[in-house]
Amino acid sequence: MGFVRLVVFGFLLLSVIYLSLSWFTRSLRRESLENEWDEDQPEGISRDDYVAAGIKDYNDGLRPKLLLLVYVIPTVLVATIVYLTNSN
């Protein structure tokens, strides 16, 4: 029962961390795109369209996928600690 509780609360905590990091990095990217548009002001594209296209490119990139390591690294560490503790 203790293991199930650890898994459930661990998953919830990691989900909160993942969502917070995801929101934070997207907001930084959005701000960067808005600043780029303010400096260059490309003709023929509105600010909202420019930012939307940039966010779409960001979502297709590597950084959002790397954020999934928030789930992988702690899980591997806990599994390693549990294995080492039980094997001795």
PDB file of N, CA and C in Angstrom:
ATOM      1  N   MET A   1       0.826  -1.199   0.000  1.00  0.00           N
ATOM      2  CA  MET A   1       0.000   0.000   0.000  1.00  0.00           C
ATOM      3  C   MET A   1       0.869   1.261   0.000  1.00  0.00           C
ATOM      4  N   GLY A   2       1.977   1.193   0.722  1.00  0.00           N
ATOM      5  CA  GLY A   2       2.876   2.340   0.772  1.00  0.00           C
ATOM      6  C   GLY A   2       3.490   2.633  -0.581  1.00  0.00           C
ATOM      7  N   PHE A   3       3.792   1.553  -1.341  1.00  0.00           N
ATOM      8  CA  PHE A   3       4.369   1.735  -2.679  1.00  0.00           C
ATOM      9  C   PHE A   3       3.378   2.396  -3.621  1.00  0.00           C
ATOM     10  N   VAL A   4       2.120   1.990  -3.548  1.00  0.00           N
ATOM     11  CA  VAL A   4       1.084   2.579  -4.410  1.00  0.00           C
ATOM     12  C   VAL A   4       0.921   4.057  -4.081  1.00  0.00           C
ATOM     13  N   ARG A   5       0.927   4.383  -2.798  1.00  0.00           N
ATOM     14  CA  ARG A   5       0.821   5.782  -2.375  1.00  0.00           C
ATOM     15  C   ARG A   5       2.011   6.588  -2.899  1.00  0.00           C
ATOM     16  N   LEU A   6       3.215   6.013  -2.829  1.00  0.00           N
ATOM     17  CA  LEU A   6       4.408   6.677  -3.349  1.00  0.00           C
ATOM     18  C   LEU A   6       4.277   6.935  -4.844  1.00  0.00           C
ATOM     19  N   VAL A   7       3.804   5.947  -5.577  1.00  0.00           N
ATOM     20  CA  VAL A   7       3.663   6.092  -7.023  1.00  0.00           C
ATOM     21  C   VAL A   7       2.624   7.161  -7.361  1.00  0.00           C
ATOM     22  N   VAL A   8       1.480   7.133  -6.698  1.00  0.00           N
ATOM     23  CA  VAL A   8       0.410   8.084  -7.002  1.00  0.00           C
ATOM     24  C   VAL A   8       0.830   9.508  -6.654  1.00  0.00           C
ATOM     25  N   PHE A   9       1.322   9.720  -5.442  1.00  0.00           N
ATOM     26  CA  PHE A   9       1.718  11.071  -5.045  1.00  0.00           C
ATOM     27  C   PHE A   9       2.953  11.535  -5.808  1.00  0.00           C
ATOM     28  N   GLY A  10       3.851  10.618  -6.115  1.00  0.00           N
ATOM     29  CA  GLY A  10       5.010  10.974  -6.926  1.00  0.00           C
ATOM     30  C   GLY A  10       4.602  11.415  -8.312  1.00  0.00           C
ATOM     31  N   PHE A  11       3.684  10.678  -8.923  1.00  0.00           N
ATOM     32  CA  PHE A  11       3.190  11.058 -10.248  1.00  0.00           C
ATOM     33  C   PHE A  11       2.497  12.417 -10.205  1.00  0.00           C
ATOM     34  N   LEU A  12       1.693  12.654  -9.189  1.00  0.00           N
ATOM     35  CA  LEU A  12       1.013  13.952  -9.074  1.00  0.00           C
ATOM     36  C   LEU A  12       2.017  15.086  -8.898  1.00  0.00           C
ATOM     37  N   LEU A  13       3.008  14.884  -8.064  1.00  0.00           N
ATOM     38  CA  LEU A  13       4.028  15.913  -7.841  1.00  0.00           C
ATOM     39  C   LEU A  13       4.823  16.166  -9.114  1.00  0.00           C
ATOM     40  N   LEU A  14       5.219  15.101  -9.799  1.00  0.00           N
ATOM     41  CA  LEU A  14       5.963  15.271 -11.048  1.00  0.00           C
ATOM     42  C   LEU A  14       5.106  15.938 -12.114  1.00  0.00           C
ATOM     43  N   SER A  15       3.814  15.667 -12.109  1.00  0.00           N
ATOM     44  CA  SER A  15       2.912  16.311 -13.070  1.00  0.00           C
ATOM     45  C   SER A  15       2.817  17.810 -12.816  1.00  0.00           C
ATOM     46  N   VAL A  16       2.739  18.187 -11.551  1.00  0.00           N
ATOM     47  CA  VAL A  16       2.698  19.615 -11.210  1.00  0.00           C
ATOM     48  C   VAL A  16       3.998  20.291 -11.640  1.00  0.00           C
ATOM     49  N   ILE A  17       5.122  19.649 -11.393  1.00  0.00           N
ATOM     50  CA  ILE A  17       6.413  20.209 -11.788  1.00  0.00           C
ATOM     51  C   ILE A  17       6.493  20.314 -13.309  1.00  0.00           C
ATOM     52  N   TYR A  18       6.066  19.271 -14.011  1.00  0.00           N
ATOM     53  CA  TYR A  18       6.105  19.283 -15.472  1.00  0.00           C
ATOM     54  C   TYR A  18       5.229  20.406 -16.036  1.00  0.00           C
ATOM     55  N   LEU A  19       4.003  20.517 -15.544  1.00  0.00           N
ATOM     56  CA  LEU A  19       3.102  21.555 -16.048  1.00  0.00           C
ATOM     57  C   LEU A  19       3.632  22.951 -15.750  1.00  0.00           C
ATOM     58  N   SER A  20       4.228  23.133 -14.573  1.00  0.00           N
ATOM     59  CA  SER A  20       4.808  24.436 -14.227  1.00  0.00           C
ATOM     60  C   SER A  20       5.971  24.781 -15.148  1.00  0.00           C
ATOM     61  N   LEU A  21       6.872  23.835 -15.358  1.00  0.00           N
ATOM     62  CA  LEU A  21       8.009  24.082 -16.254  1.00  0.00           C
ATOM     63  C   LEU A  21       7.545  24.315 -17.687  1.00  0.00           C
ATOM     64  N   SER A  22       6.562  23.550 -18.117  1.00  0.00           N
ATOM     65  CA  SER A  22       6.039  23.710 -19.466  1.00  0.00           C
ATOM     66  C   SER A  22       5.424  25.091 -19.651  1.00  0.00           C
ATOM     67  N   TRP A  23       4.628  25.510 -18.711  1.00  0.00           N
ATOM     68  CA  TRP A  23       4.005  26.832 -18.777  1.00  0.00           C
ATOM     69  C   TRP A  23       5.071  27.921 -18.761  1.00  0.00           C
ATOM     70  N   PHE A  24       6.069  27.773 -17.900  1.00  0.00           N
ATOM     71  CA  PHE A  24       7.121  28.774 -17.768  1.00  0.00           C
ATOM     72  C   PHE A  24       7.941  28.894 -19.047  1.00  0.00           C
ATOM     73  N   THR A  25       8.363  27.760 -19.620  1.00  0.00           N
ATOM     74  CA  THR A  25       9.180  27.834 -20.833  1.00  0.00           C
ATOM     75  C   THR A  25       8.377  28.364 -22.018  1.00  0.00           C
ATOM     76  N   ARG A  26       7.096  28.016 -22.102  1.00  0.00           N
ATOM     77  CA  ARG A  26       6.274  28.568 -23.179  1.00  0.00           C
ATOM     78  C   ARG A  26       6.092  30.074 -23.023  1.00  0.00           C
ATOM     79  N   SER A  27       5.934  30.531 -21.791  1.00  0.00           N
ATOM     80  CA  SER A  27       5.770  31.969 -21.589  1.00  0.00           C
ATOM     81  C   SER A  27       7.053  32.717 -21.929  1.00  0.00           C
ATOM     82  N   LEU A  28       8.205  32.124 -21.611  1.00  0.00           N
ATOM     83  CA  LEU A  28       9.469  32.755 -21.996  1.00  0.00           C
ATOM     84  C   LEU A  28       9.607  32.815 -23.515  1.00  0.00           C
ATOM     85  N   ARG A  29       9.244  31.743 -24.191  1.00  0.00           N
ATOM     86  CA  ARG A  29       9.328  31.724 -25.650  1.00  0.00           C
ATOM     87  C   ARG A  29       8.355  32.713 -26.260  1.00  0.00           C
ATOM     88  N   ARG A  30       7.145  32.790 -25.714  1.00  0.00           N
ATOM     89  CA  ARG A  30       6.150  33.741 -26.218  1.00  0.00           C
ATOM     90  C   ARG A  30       6.658  35.179 -26.059  1.00  0.00           C
ATOM     91  N   GLU A  31       7.233  35.484 -24.902  1.00  0.00           N
ATOM     92  CA  GLU A  31       7.766  36.828 -24.670  1.00  0.00           C
ATOM     93  C   GLU A  31       8.905  37.132 -25.639  1.00  0.00           C
ATOM     94  N   SER A  32       9.749  36.155 -25.887  1.00  0.00           N
ATOM     95  CA  SER A  32      10.843  36.332 -26.830  1.00  0.00           C
ATOM     96  C   SER A  32      10.314  36.599 -28.240  1.00  0.00           C
ATOM     97  N   LEU A  33       9.299  35.859 -28.650  1.00  0.00           N
ATOM     98  CA  LEU A  33       8.704  36.071 -29.965  1.00  0.00           C
ATOM     99  C   LEU A  33       8.054  37.448 -30.071  1.00  0.00           C
ATOM    100  N   GLU A  34       7.386  37.875 -29.006  1.00  0.00           N
ATOM    101  CA  GLU A  34       6.772  39.203 -29.023  1.00  0.00           C
ATOM    102  C   GLU A  34       7.830  40.291 -29.131  1.00  0.00           C
ATOM    103  N   ASN A  35       8.932  40.121 -28.417  1.00  0.00           N
ATOM    104  CA  ASN A  35      10.019  41.101 -28.501  1.00  0.00           C
ATOM    105  C   ASN A  35      10.655  41.111 -29.886  1.00  0.00           C
ATOM    106  N   GLU A  36      10.812  39.936 -30.510  1.00  0.00           N
ATOM    107  CA  GLU A  36      11.338  39.868 -31.872  1.00  0.00           C
ATOM    108  C   GLU A  36      10.425  40.608 -32.839  1.00  0.00           C
ATOM    109  N   TRP A  37       9.118  40.397 -32.695  1.00  0.00           N
ATOM    110  CA  TRP A  37       8.182  41.062 -33.590  1.00  0.00           C
ATOM    111  C   TRP A  37       8.218  42.571 -33.381  1.00  0.00           C
ATOM    112  N   ASP A  38       8.334  43.008 -32.114  1.00  0.00           N
ATOM    113  CA  ASP A  38       8.391  44.442 -31.830  1.00  0.00           C
ATOM    114  C   ASP A  38       9.620  45.091 -32.459  1.00  0.00           C
ATOM    115  N   GLU A  39      10.739  44.368 -32.464  1.00  0.00           N
ATOM    116  CA  GLU A  39      11.969  44.925 -33.032  1.00  0.00           C
ATOM    117  C   GLU A  39      11.932  44.943 -34.558  1.00  0.00           C
ATOM    118  N   ASP A  40      11.487  43.841 -35.171  1.00  0.00           N
ATOM    119  CA  ASP A  40      11.542  43.721 -36.627  1.00  0.00           C
ATOM    120  C   ASP A  40      10.261  44.181 -37.312  1.00  0.00           C
ATOM    121  N   GLN A  41       9.133  43.917 -36.734  1.00  0.00           N
ATOM    122  CA  GLN A  41       7.808  44.180 -37.287  1.00  0.00           C
ATOM    123  C   GLN A  41       7.727  43.776 -38.762  1.00  0.00           C
ATOM    124  N   PRO A  42       7.787  42.457 -39.011  1.00  0.00           N
ATOM    125  CA  PRO A  42       7.715  42.002 -40.408  1.00  0.00           C
ATOM    126  C   PRO A  42       6.370  42.382 -41.029  1.00  0.00           C
ATOM    127  N   GLU A  43       6.434  42.815 -42.274  1.00  0.00           N
ATOM    128  CA  GLU A  43       5.211  43.253 -42.945  1.00  0.00           C
ATOM    129  C   GLU A  43       4.422  42.045 -43.450  1.00  0.00           C
ATOM    130  N   GLY A  44       3.125  42.181 -43.435  1.00  0.00           N
ATOM    131  CA  GLY A  44       2.258  41.136 -43.959  1.00  0.00           C
ATOM    132  C   GLY A  44       1.868  40.085 -42.942  1.00  0.00           C
ATOM    133  N   ILE A  45       2.332  40.216 -41.716  1.00  0.00           N
ATOM    134  CA  ILE A  45       1.960  39.241 -40.683  1.00  0.00           C
ATOM    135  C   ILE A  45       1.679  40.004 -39.389  1.00  0.00           C
ATOM    136  N   SER A  46       0.570  39.650 -38.775  1.00  0.00           N
ATOM    137  CA  SER A  46       0.213  40.318 -37.525  1.00  0.00           C
ATOM    138  C   SER A  46       1.029  39.733 -36.376  1.00  0.00           C
ATOM    139  N   ARG A  47       1.040  40.450 -35.294  1.00  0.00           N
ATOM    140  CA  ARG A  47       1.794  40.009 -34.124  1.00  0.00           C
ATOM    141  C   ARG A  47       1.274  38.674 -33.612  1.00  0.00           C
ATOM    142  N   ASP A  48      -0.042  38.531 -33.529  1.00  0.00           N
ATOM    143  CA  ASP A  48      -0.638  37.285 -33.030  1.00  0.00           C
ATOM    144  C   ASP A  48      -0.297  36.098 -33.931  1.00  0.00           C
ATOM    145  N   ASP A  49      -0.331  36.312 -35.246  1.00  0.00           N
ATOM    146  CA  ASP A  49       0.011  35.226 -36.171  1.00  0.00           C
ATOM    147  C   ASP A  49       1.485  34.850 -36.058  1.00  0.00           C
ATOM    148  N   TYR A  50       2.334  35.851 -35.906  1.00  0.00           N
ATOM    149  CA  TYR A  50       3.771  35.608 -35.755  1.00  0.00           C
ATOM    150  C   TYR A  50       4.057  34.791 -34.502  1.00  0.00           C
ATOM    151  N   VAL A  51       3.433  35.182 -33.406  1.00  0.00           N
ATOM    152  CA  VAL A  51       3.634  34.474 -32.139  1.00  0.00           C
ATOM    153  C   VAL A  51       3.049  33.062 -32.224  1.00  0.00           C
ATOM    154  N   ALA A  52       1.883  32.917 -32.822  1.00  0.00           N
ATOM    155  CA  ALA A  52       1.261  31.588 -32.949  1.00  0.00           C
ATOM    156  C   ALA A  52       2.132  30.646 -33.780  1.00  0.00           C
ATOM    157  N   ALA A  53       2.693  31.160 -34.875  1.00  0.00           N
ATOM    158  CA  ALA A  53       3.576  30.337 -35.705  1.00  0.00           C
ATOM    159  C   ALA A  53       4.847  29.966 -34.937  1.00  0.00           C
ATOM    160  N   GLY A  54       5.373  30.906 -34.167  1.00  0.00           N
ATOM    161  CA  GLY A  54       6.566  30.631 -33.371  1.00  0.00           C
ATOM    162  C   GLY A  54       6.313  29.611 -32.274  1.00  0.00           C
ATOM    163  N   ILE A  55       5.164  29.695 -31.636  1.00  0.00           N
ATOM    164  CA  ILE A  55       4.808  28.727 -30.588  1.00  0.00           C
ATOM    165  C   ILE A  55       4.591  27.347 -31.207  1.00  0.00           C
ATOM    166  N   LYS A  56       4.019  27.288 -32.400  1.00  0.00           N
ATOM    167  CA  LYS A  56       3.839  26.000 -33.072  1.00  0.00           C
ATOM    168  C   LYS A  56       5.200  25.373 -33.375  1.00  0.00           C
ATOM    169  N   ASP A  57       6.130  26.195 -33.868  1.00  0.00           N
ATOM    170  CA  ASP A  57       7.488  25.692 -34.119  1.00  0.00           C
ATOM    171  C   ASP A  57       8.147  25.244 -32.825  1.00  0.00           C
ATOM    172  N   TYR A  58       7.930  25.996 -31.760  1.00  0.00           N
ATOM    173  CA  TYR A  58       8.503  25.631 -30.456  1.00  0.00           C
ATOM    174  C   TYR A  58       7.952  24.288 -29.984  1.00  0.00           C
ATOM    175  N   ASN A  59       6.647  24.086 -30.127  1.00  0.00           N
ATOM    176  CA  ASN A  59       6.024  22.834 -29.695  1.00  0.00           C
ATOM    177  C   ASN A  59       6.525  21.634 -30.494  1.00  0.00           C
ATOM    178  N   ASP A  60       6.925  21.856 -31.733  1.00  0.00           N
ATOM    179  CA  ASP A  60       7.450  20.771 -32.561  1.00  0.00           C
ATOM    180  C   ASP A  60       8.938  20.531 -32.319  1.00  0.00           C
ATOM    181  N   GLY A  61       9.562  21.381 -31.523  1.00  0.00           N
ATOM    182  CA  GLY A  61      11.000  21.292 -31.295  1.00  0.00           C
ATOM    183  C   GLY A  61      11.385  20.290 -30.222  1.00  0.00           C
ATOM    184  N   LEU A  62      12.638  20.355 -29.825  1.00  0.00           N
ATOM    185  CA  LEU A  62      13.209  19.391 -28.888  1.00  0.00           C
ATOM    186  C   LEU A  62      12.928  19.744 -27.428  1.00  0.00           C
ATOM    187  N   ARG A  63      12.908  21.016 -27.090  1.00  0.00           N
ATOM    188  CA  ARG A  63      12.795  21.424 -25.690  1.00  0.00           C
ATOM    189  C   ARG A  63      11.554  20.889 -24.986  1.00  0.00           C
ATOM    190  N   PRO A  64      10.345  20.952 -25.584  1.00  0.00           N
ATOM    191  CA  PRO A  64       9.182  20.381 -24.888  1.00  0.00           C
ATOM    192  C   PRO A  64       9.308  18.880 -24.648  1.00  0.00           C
ATOM    193  N   LYS A  65       9.990  18.203 -25.556  1.00  0.00           N
ATOM    194  CA  LYS A  65      10.184  16.764 -25.380  1.00  0.00           C
ATOM    195  C   LYS A  65      11.187  16.473 -24.268  1.00  0.00           C
ATOM    196  N   LEU A  66      12.169  17.346 -24.123  1.00  0.00           N
ATOM    197  CA  LEU A  66      13.149  17.172 -23.052  1.00  0.00           C
ATOM    198  C   LEU A  66      12.517  17.370 -21.676  1.00  0.00           C
ATOM    199  N   LEU A  67      11.447  18.148 -21.620  1.00  0.00           N
ATOM    200  CA  LEU A  67      10.773  18.354 -20.340  1.00  0.00           C
ATOM    201  C   LEU A  67      10.171  17.058 -19.804  1.00  0.00           C
ATOM    202  N   LEU A  68       9.943  16.088 -20.673  1.00  0.00           N
ATOM    203  CA  LEU A  68       9.415  14.797 -20.219  1.00  0.00           C
ATOM    204  C   LEU A  68      10.419  14.059 -19.334  1.00  0.00           C
ATOM    205  N   LEU A  69      11.674  14.490 -19.361  1.00  0.00           N
ATOM    206  CA  LEU A  69      12.673  13.899 -18.470  1.00  0.00           C
ATOM    207  C   LEU A  69      12.346  14.173 -17.000  1.00  0.00           C
ATOM    208  N   VAL A  70      11.430  15.107 -16.766  1.00  0.00           N
ATOM    209  CA  VAL A  70      10.967  15.353 -15.397  1.00  0.00           C
ATOM    210  C   VAL A  70      10.354  14.082 -14.816  1.00  0.00           C
ATOM    211  N   TYR A  71       9.753  13.264 -15.675  1.00  0.00           N
ATOM    212  CA  TYR A  71       9.176  11.999 -15.229  1.00  0.00           C
ATOM    213  C   TYR A  71      10.224  10.890 -15.179  1.00  0.00           C
ATOM    214  N   VAL A  72      11.117  10.872 -16.149  1.00  0.00           N
ATOM    215  CA  VAL A  72      12.037   9.752 -16.304  1.00  0.00           C
ATOM    216  C   VAL A  72      13.123   9.741 -15.234  1.00  0.00           C
ATOM    217  N   ILE A  73      13.804  10.859 -15.036  1.00  0.00           N
ATOM    218  CA  ILE A  73      14.963  10.891 -14.134  1.00  0.00           C
ATOM    219  C   ILE A  73      14.592  10.546 -12.693  1.00  0.00           C
ATOM    220  N   PRO A  74      13.577  11.176 -12.079  1.00  0.00           N
ATOM    221  CA  PRO A  74      13.241  10.779 -10.701  1.00  0.00           C
ATOM    222  C   PRO A  74      12.779   9.329 -10.589  1.00  0.00           C
ATOM    223  N   THR A  75      12.070   8.836 -11.607  1.00  0.00           N
ATOM    224  CA  THR A  75      11.610   7.448 -11.572  1.00  0.00           C
ATOM    225  C   THR A  75      12.792   6.489 -11.596  1.00  0.00           C
ATOM    226  N   VAL A  76      13.763   6.756 -12.440  1.00  0.00           N
ATOM    227  CA  VAL A  76      14.951   5.911 -12.508  1.00  0.00           C
ATOM    228  C   VAL A  76      15.735   5.991 -11.199  1.00  0.00           C
ATOM    229  N   LEU A  77      15.863   7.190 -10.635  1.00  0.00           N
ATOM    230  CA  LEU A  77      16.591   7.334  -9.374  1.00  0.00           C
ATOM    231  C   LEU A  77      15.916   6.573  -8.233  1.00  0.00           C
ATOM    232  N   VAL A  78      14.603   6.687  -8.125  1.00  0.00           N
ATOM    233  CA  VAL A  78      13.886   5.995  -7.063  1.00  0.00           C
ATOM    234  C   VAL A  78      13.973   4.482  -7.271  1.00  0.00           C
ATOM    235  N   ALA A  79      13.830   4.020  -8.500  1.00  0.00           N
ATOM    236  CA  ALA A  79      13.934   2.591  -8.773  1.00  0.00           C
ATOM    237  C   ALA A  79      15.323   2.073  -8.445  1.00  0.00           C
ATOM    238  N   THR A  80      16.345   2.854  -8.758  1.00  0.00           N
ATOM    239  CA  THR A  80      17.718   2.461  -8.434  1.00  0.00           C
ATOM    240  C   THR A  80      17.930   2.395  -6.929  1.00  0.00           C
ATOM    241  N   ILE A  81      17.434   3.379  -6.209  1.00  0.00           N
ATOM    242  CA  ILE A  81      17.582   3.395  -4.746  1.00  0.00           C
ATOM    243  C   ILE A  81      16.846   2.207  -4.124  1.00  0.00           C
ATOM    244  N   VAL A  82      15.638   1.927  -4.584  1.00  0.00           N
ATOM    245  CA  VAL A  82      14.867   0.802  -4.070  1.00  0.00           C
ATOM    246  C   VAL A  82      15.604  -0.514  -4.362  1.00  0.00           C
ATOM    247  N   TYR A  83      16.126  -0.658  -5.570  1.00  0.00           N
ATOM    248  CA  TYR A  83      16.850  -1.879  -5.930  1.00  0.00           C
ATOM    249  C   TYR A  83      18.103  -2.065  -5.070  1.00  0.00           C
ATOM    250  N   LEU A  84      18.886  -0.983  -4.929  1.00  0.00           N
ATOM    251  CA  LEU A  84      20.120  -1.074  -4.149  1.00  0.00           C
ATOM    252  C   LEU A  84      19.832  -1.346  -2.675  1.00  0.00           C
ATOM    253  N   THR A  85      18.756  -0.755  -2.163  1.00  0.00           N
ATOM    254  CA  THR A  85      18.403  -0.966  -0.774  1.00  0.00           C
ATOM    255  C   THR A  85      17.962  -2.417  -0.527  1.00  0.00           C
ATOM    256  N   ASN A  86      17.194  -2.953  -1.443  1.00  0.00           N
ATOM    257  CA  ASN A  86      16.684  -4.315  -1.274  1.00  0.00           C
ATOM    258  C   ASN A  86      17.694  -5.400  -1.651  1.00  0.00           C
ATOM    259  N   SER A  87      18.695  -5.065  -2.440  1.00  0.00           N
ATOM    260  CA  SER A  87      19.648  -6.077  -2.854  1.00  0.00           C
ATOM    261  C   SER A  87      20.728  -6.334  -1.791  1.00  0.00           C
ATOM    262  N   ASN A  88      20.898  -5.412  -0.877  1.00  0.00           N
ATOM    263  CA  ASN A  88      21.931  -5.590   0.157  1.00  0.00           C
ATOM    264  C   ASN A  88      21.365  -6.302   1.336  1.00  0.00           C
TER     265      ASN A  88
END
